[in-house]
Structures are given as structure tokens and as C-alpha cells.
Amino acid sequence: MSRSSYRETQSRTAVIFWSNLLFMMGIAAMATAVGALGPLFINDPGTPISNMEHGIWAGGAVVILAVLVVGKMWLTGTDGHKIAKSMGATQVNLPEGLLEVYEEREYNRKIADFAHYVETCSLAAGMTEVPGAYVLFEESGLNAFAAGSGSGKSVVAITEGALLAFDRDELEGVVGHEVAHITQGDTSYAMKIIALCTALMIFTEIGRLLMYVRGGKDNKLAIFGIVVCFAGLLGTLFARLMQAYLSRQAEFRADASGALYAGTTRGLVSALKKIESTAAVETKSKIPQACAHMLLAPPGNAMGFGAKVMSLSFATHPPTKKRIAALEGESILEAKGTDRNSPFES
């Protein structure tokens, strides 16, 4: 095993450990809040409350959350085609052939190049089936994403802005990056995180509804709604931290593996530089914020000072400059012809 492969394996193990830890902390915090405080508000003052009653309340909160998560995952599944279509994307590599959108030959050539690189990169990655190739028409930002897992359910999508702005090398590098997300299992994990965050938000909304219900003169049910709402918000906080940390680590791995599938780092480096040069330009996007961690780069919406401060912990992507620096380091190794498979490499 090369040193780089060993580091990637260690990094992935650490990501799984910390993400699972954050998940457990979030669930524990939510169950503690509901289990400890719920009976105090619902029962009459002075009524003894047993440990079993606290446990039932805490367990009930976890069961409700589990049902919401499973329900959301069942509705969404891991079918990338459904996810891409729900975001307004159109498939261009149809079973009957490539989709010709406009009469302009240059535009259709871009689509053909994109579909071709989805096929070649997926074959280089050892995938048995070619992912669906989707384009988000009328999306001017430079971005792309992968979704879905399993046979015939994965897709690679790109915005119209990126399709037109990237040259062939850049397009191949970006596609390789997205294919890497599929082969590394990032797309499957991403959907689980989306399901969890959605369930927690639903749980929070349940609490908000209870806040406006008058359960008696002392409004105990409304007060309990505050407890449920707080528990949901706390759980969402931990889930978002987990989502952000996992996504940042996954981007570095996908950059390295994607460059391998494309055959060189040059294309992806050039594409990231173009994205970095347009980062300060505010663009409107129809892509939901909850799906930001699925994208090649953060949505191109200009951030204020407060948002930038918050992004230090909740950013779904590492700084683009750091990703470029890491890839350019790989390029130096390529140029020198360094034997990266040697365990004695200094």
C-alpha cells in the first residue's frame, strides 16, 4: 500500500468515527432533553416521576425520529435519477441516444463530451454500469454533483454554466471527481444525512406547533413544545456539524481519486481555479441549501461577514485554494515521475 493510500484509509476511518460520534451525541442530547424535561411539564406538580417514565419519554423521542428518518429515506431512496430530477436536472445520455437540446452544434458537442467523460471515468473507476448524465439547464453557476448508489441508480450532473465554461480537460476532471464520490460511497452517506436533517427539522416543527397549543391554564403543553423544539434544534446542530465535517474530508479524497480516473490533475485544478475566480460573484441557484454538501463547490452566493464566520464550522467544502494546492502537489509528483507505490518514499 502506498503512503497516500494509507493516509486516505486512515482519513476515511477518522471521518466515519467522528461522524458517528457526532450523530450519537445529537441523538443523546435530544433524548435527554425530551426524556428529562417532558414528564416535568406534562405531569401535575408534586406527582412522583419514576426513572421508567423518563426512559419512556426519551425512547419515544428516538422512535419518532427514527420513523421520520426511515420514512424520508424510503421516499427519497438512493435513486440518483429521482434526486437529479427533483432538482430540475435533465438526463442527456438517454437509452435511445444523446439528447440534442438546441440546434447549435457547439452546444450539443459539449453535451456529447460530458456524456463521454461520464462513461470513460466510470469505466476507469471499475463501475459496472455507466451513471446517468444530467444537466441543470438555466443554472448559471459553475457546479456539479453526484447522487445515488447501487446498480443503475447513480448519476453525475453538471450545471449549464459549468458545461459551457469548462473546456474538455476541465470537464473530464470535474466528472472524475463526481464519479469518485459515487465509488467511495459518499453519495449514499449524503442522502442519509439529508434524511436525518429533514427529520430533525420536522421534529422541530412538531415542537413549534405544540408551542401554540394551550393545554390548560398553565400552558404545560405549549411549554413542552418549547422543549421538543429545542431538542430538535440541538439535534439539527449536531447533524449539520457532522454533515459539514464529513463533506470536507470527502472532497479531498474525491479530488485525488477523481484525478486518477481522469488521468491527470490538470483539468480539475483548472476547473477549481475558474470556480475560485467567480466565487465573489453572486448567482441565484434553484439547488436546495440542504444539498450544498453534494456539490463540487459551495453555491455561488456571496456571503456576508456573519455567514463567513459561521462557515468556519458549518462549511460543507474546504477552501478551494487548499484543494488546488493539494492537487498541484500531486501534479509535482506526476511531473517528477515519483514512484508513489513505494513504501520507502521519503
Protein backbone atom coordinates (compact mmCIF):
# COMPACT_ATOMS: atom_id res chain seq x y z
CA MET A 1 0.00 0.00 0.00
CA SER A 2 1.33 3.44 -0.92
CA ARG A 3 1.67 6.16 1.69
CA SER A 4 -1.10 8.17 0.03
CA SER A 5 -3.45 5.17 0.05
CA TYR A 6 -2.66 4.57 3.71
CA ARG A 7 -3.37 8.20 4.57
CA GLU A 8 -6.67 8.09 2.66
CA THR A 9 -7.69 4.93 4.53
CA GLN A 10 -6.79 6.49 7.87
CA SER A 11 -8.65 9.67 6.96
CA ARG A 12 -11.78 7.76 5.98
CA THR A 13 -11.67 5.78 9.25
CA ALA A 14 -11.41 9.01 11.23
CA VAL A 15 -14.30 10.57 9.29
CA ILE A 16 -16.56 7.59 9.99
CA PHE A 17 -15.62 7.60 13.68
CA TRP A 18 -16.19 11.32 14.26
CA SER A 19 -19.36 11.48 12.18
CA ASN A 20 -20.87 8.57 14.08
CA LEU A 21 -19.79 10.17 17.37
CA LEU A 22 -21.45 13.47 16.46
CA PHE A 23 -24.58 11.60 15.39
CA MET A 24 -24.77 9.76 18.71
CA MET A 25 -24.18 12.99 20.64
CA GLY A 26 -27.02 14.70 18.80
CA ILE A 27 -29.47 11.85 19.42
CA ALA A 28 -28.39 11.60 23.07
CA ALA A 29 -28.85 15.34 23.61
CA MET A 30 -32.31 15.27 22.06
CA ALA A 31 -33.42 12.20 24.02
CA THR A 32 -32.06 13.69 27.26
CA ALA A 33 -33.93 16.96 26.76
CA VAL A 34 -37.25 15.26 25.96
CA GLY A 35 -36.88 12.45 28.49
CA ALA A 36 -35.77 14.63 31.39
CA LEU A 37 -37.99 17.66 30.90
CA GLY A 38 -41.06 16.26 29.16
CA PRO A 39 -42.61 14.49 32.19
CA LEU A 40 -41.98 17.54 34.40
CA PHE A 41 -44.22 19.69 32.23
CA ILE A 42 -46.96 17.16 31.49
CA ASN A 43 -47.46 15.68 34.98
CA ASP A 44 -49.20 17.52 37.78
CA PRO A 45 -46.95 19.35 40.26
CA GLY A 46 -45.82 17.14 43.13
CA THR A 47 -46.53 13.90 41.26
CA PRO A 48 -43.63 11.45 41.65
CA ILE A 49 -41.91 10.68 38.35
CA SER A 50 -40.16 7.31 38.01
CA ASN A 51 -36.98 6.65 36.05
CA MET A 52 -39.02 4.38 33.81
CA GLU A 53 -41.26 7.28 32.83
CA HIS A 54 -38.24 9.37 31.89
CA GLY A 55 -36.95 6.44 29.87
CA ILE A 56 -40.25 6.01 28.04
CA TRP A 57 -40.27 9.68 27.05
CA ALA A 58 -36.66 9.56 25.86
CA GLY A 59 -37.22 6.30 23.98
CA GLY A 60 -40.37 7.69 22.41
CA ALA A 61 -38.45 10.70 21.10
CA VAL A 62 -35.83 8.44 19.50
CA VAL A 63 -38.50 6.18 17.97
CA ILE A 64 -40.34 9.16 16.45
CA LEU A 65 -37.09 10.45 14.99
CA ALA A 66 -36.19 7.00 13.63
CA VAL A 67 -39.58 6.73 11.91
CA LEU A 68 -39.11 10.15 10.34
CA VAL A 69 -35.60 9.28 9.11
CA VAL A 70 -36.65 5.92 7.67
CA GLY A 71 -39.73 7.48 6.08
CA LYS A 72 -37.65 10.21 4.45
CA MET A 73 -35.10 7.68 3.18
CA TRP A 74 -37.89 5.50 1.81
CA LEU A 75 -39.45 8.43 -0.05
CA THR A 76 -36.12 9.66 -1.42
CA GLY A 77 -34.19 6.40 -1.52
CA THR A 78 -30.77 6.27 -3.07
CA ASP A 79 -32.01 6.59 -6.64
CA GLY A 80 -29.91 9.37 -8.10
CA HIS A 81 -32.28 9.77 -11.05
CA LYS A 82 -35.11 10.81 -8.72
CA ILE A 83 -32.81 13.17 -6.84
CA ALA A 84 -31.48 14.80 -10.01
CA LYS A 85 -34.98 15.25 -11.48
CA SER A 86 -36.26 16.71 -8.20
CA MET A 87 -33.53 19.35 -8.51
CA GLY A 88 -34.64 20.22 -12.05
CA ALA A 89 -31.94 18.35 -13.98
CA THR A 90 -32.48 16.71 -17.39
CA GLN A 91 -30.85 13.46 -18.47
CA VAL A 92 -28.78 13.77 -21.65
CA ASN A 93 -27.47 10.20 -22.09
CA LEU A 94 -30.81 8.56 -22.73
CA PRO A 95 -31.12 4.86 -23.73
CA GLU A 96 -32.09 5.92 -27.24
CA GLY A 97 -29.06 8.19 -27.56
CA LEU A 98 -27.77 11.63 -26.63
CA LEU A 99 -30.22 14.42 -26.05
CA GLU A 100 -29.89 17.26 -28.55
CA VAL A 101 -31.11 20.38 -26.82
CA TYR A 102 -30.53 23.16 -29.31
CA GLU A 103 -29.64 23.42 -32.95
CA GLU A 104 -26.20 24.86 -32.20
CA ARG A 105 -23.64 22.13 -32.95
CA GLU A 106 -21.15 23.51 -30.42
CA TYR A 107 -23.68 23.27 -27.60
CA ASN A 108 -24.57 19.69 -28.45
CA ARG A 109 -20.85 18.83 -28.73
CA LYS A 110 -20.41 20.00 -25.13
CA ILE A 111 -23.21 17.67 -24.05
CA ALA A 112 -21.63 14.81 -26.01
CA ASP A 113 -18.25 15.46 -24.35
CA PHE A 114 -19.85 15.47 -20.91
CA ALA A 115 -21.69 12.18 -21.52
CA HIS A 116 -18.50 10.65 -22.94
CA TYR A 117 -16.45 11.56 -19.86
CA VAL A 118 -19.13 10.16 -17.56
CA GLU A 119 -18.71 6.87 -19.41
CA THR A 120 -14.90 6.82 -19.55
CA CYS A 121 -14.36 7.91 -15.94
CA SER A 122 -16.89 5.39 -14.61
CA LEU A 123 -15.14 2.63 -16.57
CA ALA A 124 -11.77 3.77 -15.21
CA ALA A 125 -13.27 3.58 -11.71
CA GLY A 126 -14.37 -0.02 -12.30
CA MET A 127 -18.11 0.69 -12.27
CA THR A 128 -20.22 -1.99 -13.96
CA GLU A 129 -22.88 0.48 -15.15
CA VAL A 130 -22.48 3.97 -16.54
CA PRO A 131 -24.17 6.62 -14.33
CA GLY A 132 -26.85 8.81 -15.79
CA ALA A 133 -25.54 12.11 -17.17
CA TYR A 134 -27.71 15.09 -16.21
CA VAL A 135 -27.55 18.82 -16.95
CA LEU A 136 -29.15 21.51 -14.78
CA PHE A 137 -30.26 23.87 -17.54
CA GLU A 138 -30.70 27.55 -16.64
CA GLU A 139 -28.22 27.18 -13.75
CA SER A 140 -25.52 29.76 -14.47
CA GLY A 141 -23.18 28.85 -11.59
CA LEU A 142 -20.12 26.66 -12.10
CA ASN A 143 -21.02 23.48 -10.27
CA ALA A 144 -21.68 19.76 -10.46
CA PHE A 145 -22.84 16.96 -8.19
CA ALA A 146 -23.22 13.18 -7.96
CA ALA A 147 -26.12 11.32 -6.41
CA GLY A 148 -27.43 7.81 -5.90
CA SER A 149 -25.79 4.47 -5.26
CA GLY A 150 -26.24 0.93 -6.43
CA SER A 151 -26.61 -0.60 -9.85
CA GLY A 152 -28.24 1.76 -12.32
CA LYS A 153 -29.16 4.34 -9.66
CA SER A 154 -26.16 6.69 -9.71
CA VAL A 155 -25.96 9.93 -11.68
CA VAL A 156 -23.49 12.71 -12.42
CA ALA A 157 -24.97 16.16 -13.01
CA ILE A 158 -23.49 19.46 -14.09
CA THR A 159 -24.88 22.97 -14.33
CA GLU A 160 -25.34 24.63 -17.71
CA GLY A 161 -22.91 27.35 -16.68
CA ALA A 162 -20.15 24.83 -15.98
CA LEU A 163 -20.90 22.88 -19.15
CA LEU A 164 -20.34 25.99 -21.24
CA ALA A 165 -17.42 27.44 -19.24
CA PHE A 166 -15.21 24.34 -18.88
CA ASP A 167 -13.00 23.05 -21.66
CA ARG A 168 -12.59 19.32 -22.31
CA ASP A 169 -9.80 18.74 -19.77
CA GLU A 170 -11.67 20.66 -17.09
CA LEU A 171 -14.89 18.81 -17.86
CA GLU A 172 -13.14 15.44 -17.59
CA GLY A 173 -11.52 16.40 -14.28
CA VAL A 174 -14.84 17.50 -12.79
CA VAL A 175 -16.60 14.33 -13.95
CA GLY A 176 -13.81 12.21 -12.47
CA HIS A 177 -14.27 13.99 -9.15
CA GLU A 178 -18.02 13.29 -9.11
CA VAL A 179 -17.55 9.64 -10.12
CA ALA A 180 -15.14 9.30 -7.18
CA HIS A 181 -17.92 10.41 -4.82
CA ILE A 182 -20.04 7.51 -6.09
CA THR A 183 -17.33 4.85 -5.84
CA GLN A 184 -16.31 6.00 -2.35
CA GLY A 185 -19.88 5.76 -1.04
CA ASP A 186 -20.15 9.49 -0.33
CA THR A 187 -23.42 9.83 -2.26
CA SER A 188 -25.11 7.12 -0.19
CA TYR A 189 -23.97 8.68 3.08
CA ALA A 190 -25.02 12.13 1.89
CA MET A 191 -28.62 11.02 1.44
CA LYS A 192 -28.69 9.58 4.95
CA ILE A 193 -27.51 12.91 6.33
CA ILE A 194 -30.16 14.77 4.33
CA ALA A 195 -32.81 12.38 5.67
CA LEU A 196 -31.60 12.91 9.25
CA CYS A 197 -31.54 16.71 8.96
CA THR A 198 -35.00 16.74 7.37
CA ALA A 199 -36.40 14.51 10.12
CA LEU A 200 -34.91 16.74 12.80
CA MET A 201 -36.44 19.80 11.17
CA ILE A 202 -39.83 18.04 11.14
CA PHE A 203 -39.31 17.18 14.81
CA THR A 204 -38.60 20.87 15.46
CA GLU A 205 -41.75 21.89 13.61
CA ILE A 206 -43.78 19.50 15.78
CA GLY A 207 -42.42 21.34 18.79
CA ARG A 208 -43.33 24.70 17.26
CA LEU A 209 -46.92 23.53 16.72
CA LEU A 210 -47.14 22.38 20.33
CA MET A 211 -45.93 25.81 21.45
CA TYR A 212 -49.16 27.33 20.12
CA VAL A 213 -51.46 24.75 21.72
CA ARG A 214 -52.99 25.81 25.00
CA GLY A 215 -53.12 22.70 27.19
CA GLY A 216 -54.54 24.36 30.30
CA LYS A 217 -54.24 27.41 32.44
CA ASP A 218 -50.51 26.97 32.87
CA ASN A 219 -49.94 26.11 29.20
CA LYS A 220 -47.96 22.96 30.01
CA LEU A 221 -48.32 21.52 26.51
CA ALA A 222 -47.04 24.74 24.99
CA ILE A 223 -44.06 24.70 27.32
CA PHE A 224 -43.38 21.09 26.35
CA GLY A 225 -43.46 22.23 22.73
CA ILE A 226 -40.56 24.53 23.55
CA VAL A 227 -38.66 21.54 24.96
CA VAL A 228 -39.31 19.47 21.82
CA CYS A 229 -38.38 22.39 19.56
CA PHE A 230 -35.14 22.96 21.49
CA ALA A 231 -34.30 19.25 21.31
CA GLY A 232 -34.88 19.22 17.55
CA LEU A 233 -32.73 22.31 17.05
CA LEU A 234 -29.94 20.81 19.16
CA GLY A 235 -30.07 17.57 17.19
CA THR A 236 -30.03 19.52 13.93
CA LEU A 237 -26.94 21.40 15.14
CA PHE A 238 -25.01 18.17 15.68
CA ALA A 239 -26.28 16.72 12.39
CA ARG A 240 -25.12 19.81 10.47
CA LEU A 241 -21.69 19.64 12.13
CA MET A 242 -21.43 16.00 11.13
CA GLN A 243 -22.58 16.80 7.59
CA ALA A 244 -20.04 19.59 7.21
CA TYR A 245 -17.09 17.64 8.63
CA LEU A 246 -17.82 14.55 6.56
CA SER A 247 -18.27 16.58 3.39
CA ARG A 248 -14.99 18.49 3.80
CA GLN A 249 -12.98 15.30 4.20
CA ALA A 250 -14.79 13.63 1.29
CA GLU A 251 -13.88 16.48 -1.07
CA PHE A 252 -10.14 15.97 -0.63
CA ARG A 253 -10.48 12.21 -1.25
CA ALA A 254 -12.67 12.73 -4.31
CA ASP A 255 -10.20 15.28 -5.72
CA ALA A 256 -7.35 12.76 -5.50
CA SER A 257 -9.31 9.77 -6.81
CA GLY A 258 -11.08 11.83 -9.47
CA ALA A 259 -7.77 13.00 -10.88
CA LEU A 260 -6.73 9.35 -11.08
CA TYR A 261 -9.87 8.42 -13.06
CA ALA A 262 -9.35 11.38 -15.40
CA GLY A 263 -5.67 10.52 -15.84
CA THR A 264 -4.29 13.89 -14.70
CA THR A 265 -4.83 16.60 -12.11
CA ARG A 266 -4.54 19.48 -14.60
CA GLY A 267 -8.19 19.56 -15.66
CA LEU A 268 -9.64 19.58 -12.14
CA VAL A 269 -7.09 22.18 -10.96
CA SER A 270 -8.02 24.47 -13.84
CA ALA A 271 -11.75 23.99 -13.18
CA LEU A 272 -11.33 24.79 -9.48
CA LYS A 273 -9.38 27.94 -10.37
CA LYS A 274 -12.24 29.08 -12.58
CA ILE A 275 -14.68 28.42 -9.74
CA GLU A 276 -12.46 30.32 -7.32
CA SER A 277 -12.29 33.30 -9.69
CA THR A 278 -16.10 33.53 -9.74
CA ALA A 279 -16.63 32.87 -6.01
CA ALA A 280 -17.32 36.53 -5.21
CA VAL A 281 -19.99 36.81 -7.91
CA GLU A 282 -23.48 36.37 -6.50
CA THR A 283 -25.61 33.98 -8.55
CA LYS A 284 -29.12 32.68 -7.98
CA SER A 285 -29.49 28.93 -7.68
CA LYS A 286 -32.50 26.62 -7.51
CA ILE A 287 -30.45 23.95 -5.73
CA PRO A 288 -31.70 23.50 -2.13
CA GLN A 289 -29.27 24.58 0.58
CA ALA A 290 -29.69 21.16 2.23
CA CYS A 291 -27.99 19.65 -0.84
CA ALA A 292 -25.00 22.03 -0.76
CA HIS A 293 -22.66 19.29 0.50
CA MET A 294 -23.37 17.26 -2.66
CA LEU A 295 -21.95 19.95 -4.96
CA LEU A 296 -18.47 20.29 -6.44
CA ALA A 297 -18.15 23.67 -4.72
CA PRO A 298 -20.39 25.77 -2.43
CA PRO A 299 -23.29 27.50 -4.23
CA GLY A 300 -22.15 30.78 -5.77
CA ASN A 301 -23.99 33.05 -3.38
CA ALA A 302 -21.88 35.85 -1.96
CA MET A 303 -21.61 35.54 1.83
CA GLY A 304 -21.66 38.32 4.37
CA PHE A 305 -19.26 38.55 7.29
CA GLY A 306 -21.58 36.66 9.65
CA ALA A 307 -22.05 33.82 7.17
CA LYS A 308 -18.30 33.56 6.66
CA VAL A 309 -17.76 33.26 10.42
CA MET A 310 -20.41 30.53 10.66
CA SER A 311 -18.88 28.70 7.71
CA LEU A 312 -15.72 28.02 9.70
CA SER A 313 -17.58 25.16 11.41
CA PHE A 314 -20.51 24.51 9.08
CA ALA A 315 -18.77 24.83 5.69
CA THR A 316 -19.54 21.80 3.53
CA HIS A 317 -16.37 22.28 1.46
CA PRO A 318 -12.75 23.02 2.36
CA PRO A 319 -11.34 26.27 0.94
CA THR A 320 -10.92 25.93 -2.81
CA LYS A 321 -7.37 27.28 -2.55
CA LYS A 322 -6.42 24.40 -0.25
CA ARG A 323 -7.88 21.88 -2.68
CA ILE A 324 -5.94 23.44 -5.55
CA ALA A 325 -2.71 23.39 -3.50
CA ALA A 326 -3.20 19.71 -2.66
CA LEU A 327 -3.82 18.82 -6.30
CA GLU A 328 -0.86 20.87 -7.51
CA GLY A 329 1.26 18.87 -5.08
CA GLU A 330 0.01 15.75 -6.84
CA SER A 331 0.93 17.37 -10.17
CA ILE A 332 4.52 17.86 -9.00
CA LEU A 333 4.74 14.15 -8.19
CA GLU A 334 3.36 13.34 -11.64
CA ALA A 335 5.90 15.62 -13.35
CA LYS A 336 8.82 14.12 -11.41
CA GLY A 337 7.62 10.61 -12.11
CA THR A 338 7.79 9.73 -8.42
CA ASP A 339 7.01 6.12 -7.60
CA ARG A 340 4.06 6.65 -5.30
CA ASN A 341 3.64 2.92 -4.74
CA SER A 342 6.92 2.69 -2.90
CA PRO A 343 6.51 2.40 0.89
CA PHE A 344 10.03 3.80 1.31
CA GLU A 345 9.19 7.08 -0.37
CA SER A 346 10.58 10.00 1.65
